Structures are given as structure tokens and as C-alpha cells.
Amino acid sequence: MTIIIPDKYPEIARAQFNAIRNEIWHIATAHELGKVEESLKWGEPSFSVQGGSPIRIDWKDKTPEIFNVYFHCQTRLIDTFKEVYPNSFTYQGNRALSIPLTKSIYDTPLNQCLLIAMTYHKVKHLPLLGAQPA
């Protein structure tokens, strides 16, 4: 299933959505992680690969200046990202990281966060999930 970008997104949020979505697909291909499943979970675009933890992404009109990347709250993902990348993102509890719409995802370690989530079941036993400080 290919996800259609929600109509509610302003153009700048659509660009951020496309950049993150493209990065997910690039990581899956580059690391031979298999097919990316796209779906809607709780009304938000969700991406998953076998052996990984699902990733949801969304823009909210309540916080129009940021784009959120959600991770499963019962994993160690966000706690690890907070420890390894403390100043790279704003964090929303143990479930999301936020990126300003005006900031390129390529100026952040988001690709490392996505890779760790997409390989979570292989790295969950490693210190810091195998993450390398930026």
C-alpha cells in the first residue's frame, strides 16, 4: 500500500514527509531490509520492515512548526536517542522525536535513528542499540 500524503499538510510539511519517507525506503534498500510496508496506524502514516520496529510520521496543526517521528513506546529507541543525540531533536516523552520544518533531516542523525528502528530486533541487545554518537 502506498500512502497518500494527507491533504491537511501544508507544502513545507509535505516536503518533510517526502524526505523522511524517501529516507526510509533508501535505508531499506541500502541495508537489504526487505519490503517496506506502508499503512495508516491511528490515522498516521506508518512504515515497517520485518525485524524492525514500526515508525510513524506525522505533522499536526497543533504544532505547525514541527514534524514528528513516532517510535514504539515500549522499546528503548527514544531513551537511546536521547542519550546518544541529546541536542539533535526535541523529544516527546518516550514515543517521538520532533524536527523543525525549517531544518533539513539531512542535518540531523535521523537516518541513524531510522536505521536502528528498522533493525531493532537485531540490535536491541547491543549497548545503545549499536548507535554511534553524532
C-alpha atoms as a PDB file:
ATOM      1  CA  MET A   1       0.000   0.000   0.000  1.00  0.00           C
ATOM      2  CA  THR A   2       1.338   3.394  -0.925  1.00  0.00           C
ATOM      3  CA  ILE A   3       0.372   6.146   1.450  1.00  0.00           C
ATOM      4  CA  ILE A   4      -1.074   9.328   0.080  1.00  0.00           C
ATOM      5  CA  ILE A   5       0.216  12.416   1.851  1.00  0.00           C
ATOM      6  CA  PRO A   6      -2.614  13.735   3.999  1.00  0.00           C
ATOM      7  CA  ASP A   7      -4.387  16.744   2.483  1.00  0.00           C
ATOM      8  CA  LYS A   8      -4.048  18.639   5.764  1.00  0.00           C
ATOM      9  CA  TYR A   9      -0.286  19.021   5.286  1.00  0.00           C
ATOM     10  CA  PRO A  10       0.967  22.421   4.148  1.00  0.00           C
ATOM     11  CA  GLU A  11       3.571  22.338   1.375  1.00  0.00           C
ATOM     12  CA  ILE A  12       6.567  22.530   3.751  1.00  0.00           C
ATOM     13  CA  ALA A  13       5.210  19.561   5.760  1.00  0.00           C
ATOM     14  CA  ARG A  14       4.656  17.621   2.520  1.00  0.00           C
ATOM     15  CA  ALA A  15       8.317  18.183   1.659  1.00  0.00           C
ATOM     16  CA  GLN A  16       9.405  16.901   5.095  1.00  0.00           C
ATOM     17  CA  PHE A  17       7.076  13.882   4.761  1.00  0.00           C
ATOM     18  CA  ASN A  18       8.570  13.029   1.372  1.00  0.00           C
ATOM     19  CA  ALA A  19      12.141  13.436   2.633  1.00  0.00           C
ATOM     20  CA  ILE A  20      11.557  11.107   5.600  1.00  0.00           C
ATOM     21  CA  ARG A  21       9.624   8.583   3.528  1.00  0.00           C
ATOM     22  CA  ASN A  22      12.369   8.549   0.888  1.00  0.00           C
ATOM     23  CA  GLU A  23      14.995   8.054   3.598  1.00  0.00           C
ATOM     24  CA  ILE A  24      13.085   5.058   4.991  1.00  0.00           C
ATOM     25  CA  TRP A  25      12.964   3.465   1.537  1.00  0.00           C
ATOM     26  CA  HIS A  26      16.643   4.285   0.909  1.00  0.00           C
ATOM     27  CA  ILE A  27      17.701   2.663   4.201  1.00  0.00           C
ATOM     28  CA  ALA A  28      15.617  -0.439   3.488  1.00  0.00           C
ATOM     29  CA  THR A  29      17.219  -0.822   0.065  1.00  0.00           C
ATOM     30  CA  ALA A  30      20.791   0.035   1.092  1.00  0.00           C
ATOM     31  CA  HIS A  31      20.721  -2.378   4.043  1.00  0.00           C
ATOM     32  CA  GLU A  32      18.680  -5.081   2.284  1.00  0.00           C
ATOM     33  CA  LEU A  33      15.946  -4.995   4.922  1.00  0.00           C
ATOM     34  CA  GLY A  34      13.230  -6.249   2.607  1.00  0.00           C
ATOM     35  CA  LYS A  35       9.901  -4.790   1.671  1.00  0.00           C
ATOM     36  CA  VAL A  36       8.690  -1.643   3.398  1.00  0.00           C
ATOM     37  CA  GLU A  37       5.065  -1.975   4.471  1.00  0.00           C
ATOM     38  CA  GLU A  38       3.195   1.320   4.384  1.00  0.00           C
ATOM     39  CA  SER A  39      -0.115   1.690   6.182  1.00  0.00           C
ATOM     40  CA  LEU A  40      -2.131   4.046   8.340  1.00  0.00           C
ATOM     41  CA  LYS A  41      -1.997   3.497  12.102  1.00  0.00           C
ATOM     42  CA  TRP A  42      -4.103   5.778  14.271  1.00  0.00           C
ATOM     43  CA  GLY A  43      -4.624   7.901  11.157  1.00  0.00           C
ATOM     44  CA  GLU A  44      -0.887   8.459  10.733  1.00  0.00           C
ATOM     45  CA  PRO A  45       1.438   7.114   8.026  1.00  0.00           C
ATOM     46  CA  SER A  46       3.283   4.048   9.348  1.00  0.00           C
ATOM     47  CA  PHE A  47       6.283   2.229   7.895  1.00  0.00           C
ATOM     48  CA  SER A  48       7.693  -1.141   8.902  1.00  0.00           C
ATOM     49  CA  VAL A  49      10.073  -3.837   7.741  1.00  0.00           C
ATOM     50  CA  GLN A  50      10.380  -7.384   9.011  1.00  0.00           C
ATOM     51  CA  GLY A  51      12.688  -7.459  12.040  1.00  0.00           C
ATOM     52  CA  GLY A  52      12.185  -3.774  12.748  1.00  0.00           C
ATOM     53  CA  SER A  53      10.033  -1.621  14.969  1.00  0.00           C
ATOM     54  CA  PRO A  54       7.292   0.392  13.215  1.00  0.00           C
ATOM     55  CA  ILE A  55       7.879   4.070  12.506  1.00  0.00           C
ATOM     56  CA  ARG A  56       5.037   6.569  12.211  1.00  0.00           C
ATOM     57  CA  ILE A  57       5.424  10.097  10.904  1.00  0.00           C
ATOM     58  CA  ASP A  58       3.003  12.997  11.032  1.00  0.00           C
ATOM     59  CA  TRP A  59       2.506  16.731  11.062  1.00  0.00           C
ATOM     60  CA  LYS A  60      -0.056  18.193  13.472  1.00  0.00           C
ATOM     61  CA  ASP A  61      -1.794  21.539  13.123  1.00  0.00           C
ATOM     62  CA  LYS A  62      -1.481  21.965  16.927  1.00  0.00           C
ATOM     63  CA  THR A  63       2.309  22.181  16.469  1.00  0.00           C
ATOM     64  CA  PRO A  64       2.607  23.517  12.906  1.00  0.00           C
ATOM     65  CA  GLU A  65       6.324  24.300  13.091  1.00  0.00           C
ATOM     66  CA  ILE A  66       7.486  20.696  13.634  1.00  0.00           C
ATOM     67  CA  PHE A  67       7.231  17.252  12.075  1.00  0.00           C
ATOM     68  CA  ASN A  68       7.058  14.239  14.398  1.00  0.00           C
ATOM     69  CA  VAL A  69       8.618  10.806  14.031  1.00  0.00           C
ATOM     70  CA  TYR A  70       6.992   8.252  16.350  1.00  0.00           C
ATOM     71  CA  PHE A  71       8.530   5.031  17.638  1.00  0.00           C
ATOM     72  CA  HIS A  72       7.023   2.186  19.671  1.00  0.00           C
ATOM     73  CA  CYS A  73       6.913   3.435  23.263  1.00  0.00           C
ATOM     74  CA  GLN A  74       7.760   0.031  24.765  1.00  0.00           C
ATOM     75  CA  THR A  75      11.161  -0.105  23.075  1.00  0.00           C
ATOM     76  CA  ARG A  76      14.425   1.515  24.163  1.00  0.00           C
ATOM     77  CA  LEU A  77      14.547   3.608  20.980  1.00  0.00           C
ATOM     78  CA  ILE A  78      13.705   7.106  22.237  1.00  0.00           C
ATOM     79  CA  ASP A  79      15.638   6.674  25.504  1.00  0.00           C
ATOM     80  CA  THR A  80      18.681   5.656  23.461  1.00  0.00           C
ATOM     81  CA  PHE A  81      18.278   8.539  21.005  1.00  0.00           C
ATOM     82  CA  LYS A  82      18.014  10.978  23.928  1.00  0.00           C
ATOM     83  CA  GLU A  83      21.284   9.634  25.322  1.00  0.00           C
ATOM     84  CA  VAL A  84      23.218   9.475  22.056  1.00  0.00           C
ATOM     85  CA  TYR A  85      21.711  12.526  20.293  1.00  0.00           C
ATOM     86  CA  PRO A  86      20.610  14.770  23.194  1.00  0.00           C
ATOM     87  CA  ASN A  87      20.655  18.054  21.282  1.00  0.00           C
ATOM     88  CA  SER A  88      19.701  16.861  17.810  1.00  0.00           C
ATOM     89  CA  PHE A  89      15.942  16.701  18.344  1.00  0.00           C
ATOM     90  CA  THR A  90      13.157  17.740  20.667  1.00  0.00           C
ATOM     91  CA  TYR A  91      11.731  14.620  22.276  1.00  0.00           C
ATOM     92  CA  GLN A  92       8.104  13.882  23.163  1.00  0.00           C
ATOM     93  CA  GLY A  93       8.301  11.531  26.141  1.00  0.00           C
ATOM     94  CA  ASN A  94       9.347   8.014  25.153  1.00  0.00           C
ATOM     95  CA  ARG A  95       7.482   7.921  21.865  1.00  0.00           C
ATOM     96  CA  ALA A  96       8.557  10.652  19.450  1.00  0.00           C
ATOM     97  CA  LEU A  97      11.228  12.977  18.243  1.00  0.00           C
ATOM     98  CA  SER A  98      10.435  16.269  16.568  1.00  0.00           C
ATOM     99  CA  ILE A  99      12.224  18.084  13.766  1.00  0.00           C
ATOM    100  CA  PRO A 100      11.558  21.726  12.872  1.00  0.00           C
ATOM    101  CA  LEU A 101      10.035  22.019   9.410  1.00  0.00           C
ATOM    102  CA  THR A 102      12.713  24.566   8.568  1.00  0.00           C
ATOM    103  CA  LYS A 103      15.521  22.074   9.275  1.00  0.00           C
ATOM    104  CA  SER A 104      16.700  19.532   6.732  1.00  0.00           C
ATOM    105  CA  ILE A 105      16.547  15.962   8.009  1.00  0.00           C
ATOM    106  CA  TYR A 106      19.991  15.539   6.473  1.00  0.00           C
ATOM    107  CA  ASP A 107      21.377  17.993   9.056  1.00  0.00           C
ATOM    108  CA  THR A 108      20.325  15.588  11.825  1.00  0.00           C
ATOM    109  CA  PRO A 109      21.156  11.981  12.743  1.00  0.00           C
ATOM    110  CA  LEU A 110      17.609  10.945  11.760  1.00  0.00           C
ATOM    111  CA  ASN A 111      18.938   8.404   9.263  1.00  0.00           C
ATOM    112  CA  GLN A 112      20.736   6.628  12.127  1.00  0.00           C
ATOM    113  CA  CYS A 113      17.570   6.659  14.242  1.00  0.00           C
ATOM    114  CA  LEU A 114      15.547   5.217  11.364  1.00  0.00           C
ATOM    115  CA  LEU A 115      18.147   2.506  10.710  1.00  0.00           C
ATOM    116  CA  ILE A 116      18.199   1.491  14.374  1.00  0.00           C
ATOM    117  CA  ALA A 117      14.394   1.279  14.462  1.00  0.00           C
ATOM    118  CA  MET A 118      14.316  -0.665  11.203  1.00  0.00           C
ATOM    119  CA  THR A 119      16.816  -3.211  12.599  1.00  0.00           C
ATOM    120  CA  TYR A 120      15.571  -3.105  16.197  1.00  0.00           C
ATOM    121  CA  HIS A 121      15.220  -6.848  16.747  1.00  0.00           C
ATOM    122  CA  LYS A 122      18.831  -7.357  15.613  1.00  0.00           C
ATOM    123  CA  VAL A 123      20.299  -4.552  17.739  1.00  0.00           C
ATOM    124  CA  LYS A 124      18.107  -4.475  20.856  1.00  0.00           C
ATOM    125  CA  HIS A 125      20.682  -6.474  22.836  1.00  0.00           C
ATOM    126  CA  LEU A 126      23.572  -4.096  21.976  1.00  0.00           C
ATOM    127  CA  PRO A 127      24.710  -1.242  24.221  1.00  0.00           C
ATOM    128  CA  LEU A 128      22.968   1.925  22.998  1.00  0.00           C
ATOM    129  CA  LEU A 129      21.348  -0.278  20.329  1.00  0.00           C
ATOM    130  CA  GLY A 130      24.617  -0.007  18.423  1.00  0.00           C
ATOM    131  CA  ALA A 131      24.175   3.766  17.985  1.00  0.00           C
ATOM    132  CA  GLN A 132      27.221   5.926  17.392  1.00  0.00           C
ATOM    133  CA  PRO A 133      27.271   9.478  18.791  1.00  0.00           C
ATOM    134  CA  ALA A 134      26.956  12.184  16.159  1.00  0.00           C
END
